[in-house]
Amino acid sequence: MSLKIYTKTGDKGTTSLIGGTKVSKAHIRIETYGTVDELNSWIGFVNDQVKHKRSGKILKEIQDRLFTIGSSLACDPDKDTKMKIPDLQDTDVELLEKEIDRMNEKLPAMKSFILPGGHPTVSSLHIARCVCRRCERLCAHMQDEKMFIDRLVIKYLNRLSDYLFVLSRFIGHRLKAKEIPWKARI
């Protein structure tokens, strides 16, 4: 017998953080981890399109780290959750940096801003990058509001958006998709 997916506990527009604190579903903490979940879905969508074994492996690892971030954000920082919540490590950021450097070695130098597009996979990566930037802004907003957020979460999301940008170029290069330079109207 499977568990019921609906509990009806959120029918009045509230939800519980890990630790039991009830908050509005419009609370910035909920908005933030919901956006992390959206990003994770985009990463899964992108990974279904990317036909590069190493990148696929890294994207799976990123999805795991996004679950880590989501569970961290879902906790009430003022309560002892009595649960072992995984945490980010500096090595998670370092992995993204090494991958960025590895891909950049194989790419031509950028001579201008480029427009998202050129291939559906490239476009999907740019959407994931934009959702990642939104996650980062929401985390920064939480920080500005003096809400607890692990320092590595913002750093990781910042590096992840860089990684997704470089991955879009790298995959585009592998697909022989032309980069579309932005030509400012003068």
Protein backbone atom coordinates (compact mmCIF):
# COMPACT_ATOMS: atom_id res chain seq x y z
CA MET A 1 0.00 0.00 0.00
CA SER A 2 1.41 3.40 -0.94
CA LEU A 3 1.23 6.50 1.22
CA LYS A 4 -1.25 9.22 0.34
CA ILE A 5 0.39 12.15 -1.39
CA TYR A 6 -2.06 14.66 0.03
CA THR A 7 -2.26 15.48 3.72
CA LYS A 8 -4.63 18.49 3.61
CA THR A 9 -2.43 20.23 6.20
CA GLY A 10 -1.61 23.05 3.77
CA ASP A 11 -5.15 23.74 2.63
CA LYS A 12 -5.24 27.08 4.49
CA GLY A 13 -2.07 28.45 2.89
CA THR A 14 0.42 27.46 5.55
CA THR A 15 3.10 24.81 5.78
CA SER A 16 5.54 23.57 8.39
CA LEU A 17 9.28 23.97 8.38
CA ILE A 18 11.46 21.10 9.54
CA GLY A 19 11.26 21.68 13.27
CA GLY A 20 7.49 22.20 13.26
CA THR A 21 7.17 25.97 12.88
CA LYS A 22 4.12 26.89 10.79
CA VAL A 23 4.63 29.64 8.22
CA SER A 24 2.72 31.07 5.28
CA LYS A 25 3.37 29.42 1.95
CA ALA A 26 4.25 32.95 0.80
CA HIS A 27 7.11 33.17 3.37
CA ILE A 28 10.44 34.00 1.73
CA ARG A 29 11.99 30.79 3.10
CA ILE A 30 9.29 28.75 1.33
CA GLU A 31 9.65 30.82 -1.85
CA THR A 32 13.40 30.25 -1.75
CA TYR A 33 13.38 26.49 -1.33
CA GLY A 34 10.53 26.23 -3.83
CA THR A 35 12.72 28.02 -6.35
CA VAL A 36 15.59 25.66 -5.54
CA ASP A 37 13.17 22.80 -6.30
CA GLU A 38 12.27 24.50 -9.61
CA LEU A 39 15.98 24.78 -10.43
CA ASN A 40 16.46 21.11 -9.59
CA SER A 41 13.68 20.22 -12.03
CA TRP A 42 15.32 22.32 -14.76
CA ILE A 43 18.65 20.60 -14.08
CA GLY A 44 16.91 17.23 -14.50
CA PHE A 45 15.33 18.44 -17.75
CA VAL A 46 18.70 19.64 -19.02
CA ASN A 47 20.36 16.39 -18.02
CA ASP A 48 17.81 14.48 -20.09
CA GLN A 49 19.00 16.50 -23.12
CA VAL A 50 22.76 16.61 -22.56
CA LYS A 51 24.47 13.71 -24.28
CA HIS A 52 27.84 14.13 -22.59
CA LYS A 53 28.67 11.52 -19.94
CA ARG A 54 30.88 13.67 -17.70
CA SER A 55 28.45 16.61 -17.73
CA GLY A 56 25.58 14.24 -16.96
CA LYS A 57 27.43 12.91 -13.94
CA ILE A 58 28.14 16.44 -12.67
CA LEU A 59 24.51 17.48 -13.23
CA LYS A 60 23.34 14.51 -11.11
CA GLU A 61 25.72 15.61 -8.37
CA ILE A 62 24.36 19.16 -8.64
CA GLN A 63 20.84 17.81 -8.18
CA ASP A 64 21.98 16.12 -4.98
CA ARG A 65 23.52 19.39 -3.73
CA LEU A 66 20.28 21.22 -4.57
CA PHE A 67 18.38 18.75 -2.37
CA THR A 68 20.94 19.52 0.34
CA ILE A 69 20.29 23.26 -0.08
CA GLY A 70 16.53 22.73 -0.11
CA SER A 71 16.59 20.72 3.11
CA SER A 72 18.79 23.34 4.75
CA LEU A 73 16.35 26.09 3.74
CA ALA A 74 13.35 24.04 4.90
CA CYS A 75 14.67 23.94 8.47
CA ASP A 76 13.66 26.38 11.17
CA PRO A 77 17.09 27.70 12.17
CA ASP A 78 15.80 28.53 15.66
CA LYS A 79 14.78 24.95 16.48
CA ASP A 80 16.66 21.72 16.96
CA THR A 81 15.31 19.48 14.20
CA LYS A 82 16.71 16.27 15.72
CA MET A 83 17.40 15.26 12.11
CA LYS A 84 20.75 14.87 10.40
CA ILE A 85 20.56 17.37 7.54
CA PRO A 86 23.35 17.13 4.93
CA ASP A 87 25.42 20.24 4.42
CA LEU A 88 27.40 21.86 1.65
CA GLN A 89 31.16 21.78 1.71
CA ASP A 90 33.82 23.98 0.15
CA THR A 91 34.71 21.02 -2.09
CA ASP A 92 31.25 21.33 -3.72
CA VAL A 93 32.13 24.85 -4.89
CA GLU A 94 35.62 23.71 -5.90
CA LEU A 95 34.15 20.96 -8.09
CA LEU A 96 32.13 23.54 -10.03
CA GLU A 97 35.21 25.74 -10.42
CA LYS A 98 37.30 22.84 -11.74
CA GLU A 99 34.56 21.91 -14.21
CA ILE A 100 34.27 25.52 -15.38
CA ASP A 101 38.04 25.68 -15.93
CA ARG A 102 38.07 22.30 -17.72
CA MET A 103 35.31 23.33 -20.14
CA ASN A 104 36.76 26.81 -20.71
CA GLU A 105 40.01 25.25 -21.94
CA LYS A 106 38.06 23.78 -24.87
CA LEU A 107 36.07 26.91 -25.76
CA PRO A 108 36.93 29.87 -27.95
CA ALA A 109 37.33 33.16 -26.12
CA MET A 110 34.16 35.22 -25.80
CA LYS A 111 34.42 38.45 -27.74
CA SER A 112 30.96 39.81 -26.91
CA PHE A 113 27.89 39.09 -24.86
CA ILE A 114 25.94 36.19 -26.31
CA LEU A 115 22.21 35.72 -26.54
CA PRO A 116 20.63 32.57 -25.13
CA GLY A 117 19.69 30.23 -27.96
CA GLY A 118 21.10 28.40 -30.94
CA HIS A 119 19.89 24.95 -29.86
CA PRO A 120 17.10 23.73 -27.52
CA THR A 121 19.63 22.24 -25.07
CA VAL A 122 21.59 25.49 -24.96
CA SER A 123 18.37 27.44 -24.37
CA SER A 124 17.36 25.05 -21.58
CA LEU A 125 20.71 25.56 -19.88
CA HIS A 126 20.21 29.32 -20.03
CA ILE A 127 16.77 28.97 -18.43
CA ALA A 128 18.33 26.87 -15.65
CA ARG A 129 21.00 29.57 -15.23
CA CYS A 130 18.34 32.27 -14.87
CA VAL A 131 16.39 30.23 -12.30
CA CYS A 132 19.68 29.70 -10.43
CA ARG A 133 20.25 33.48 -10.35
CA ARG A 134 16.73 33.91 -8.95
CA CYS A 135 17.56 31.39 -6.21
CA GLU A 136 20.69 33.35 -5.44
CA ARG A 137 18.74 36.64 -5.25
CA LEU A 138 16.17 35.08 -2.91
CA CYS A 139 18.95 33.78 -0.66
CA ALA A 140 20.56 37.22 -0.64
CA HIS A 141 17.16 38.70 0.28
CA MET A 142 16.93 36.28 3.21
CA GLN A 143 20.41 37.36 4.28
CA ASP A 144 19.43 41.04 3.97
CA GLU A 145 16.42 40.33 6.20
CA LYS A 146 18.80 38.84 8.79
CA MET A 147 17.40 35.35 8.30
CA PHE A 148 19.90 32.54 8.78
CA ILE A 149 21.32 31.12 5.59
CA ASP A 150 24.52 29.11 5.36
CA ARG A 151 27.25 31.22 3.74
CA LEU A 152 28.08 28.41 1.33
CA VAL A 153 24.56 28.33 -0.11
CA ILE A 154 24.91 31.74 -1.77
CA LYS A 155 28.48 30.99 -2.86
CA TYR A 156 27.44 27.65 -4.34
CA LEU A 157 24.50 29.14 -6.24
CA ASN A 158 26.69 31.95 -7.57
CA ARG A 159 29.23 29.44 -8.87
CA LEU A 160 26.48 27.15 -10.16
CA SER A 161 25.08 29.90 -12.36
CA ASP A 162 28.59 30.45 -13.77
CA TYR A 163 28.88 26.70 -14.35
CA LEU A 164 25.54 26.60 -16.19
CA PHE A 165 26.62 29.49 -18.42
CA VAL A 166 29.89 27.80 -19.33
CA LEU A 167 28.11 24.45 -19.75
CA SER A 168 25.70 26.10 -22.20
CA ARG A 169 28.66 27.28 -24.25
CA PHE A 170 30.43 23.93 -23.95
CA ILE A 171 27.38 21.90 -25.02
CA GLY A 172 26.67 24.38 -27.81
CA HIS A 173 30.25 23.97 -29.00
CA ARG A 174 29.92 20.15 -28.95
CA LEU A 175 26.63 20.42 -30.87
CA LYS A 176 28.25 22.82 -33.37
CA ALA A 177 25.55 25.37 -32.55
CA LYS A 178 26.53 28.91 -33.43
CA GLU A 179 26.71 31.35 -30.57
CA ILE A 180 24.51 34.36 -31.18
CA PRO A 181 26.47 37.54 -30.38
CA TRP A 182 24.50 40.43 -28.94
CA LYS A 183 24.77 43.40 -31.24
CA ALA A 184 23.59 46.51 -29.45
CA ARG A 185 21.34 48.81 -31.43
CA ILE A 186 23.05 52.14 -31.80
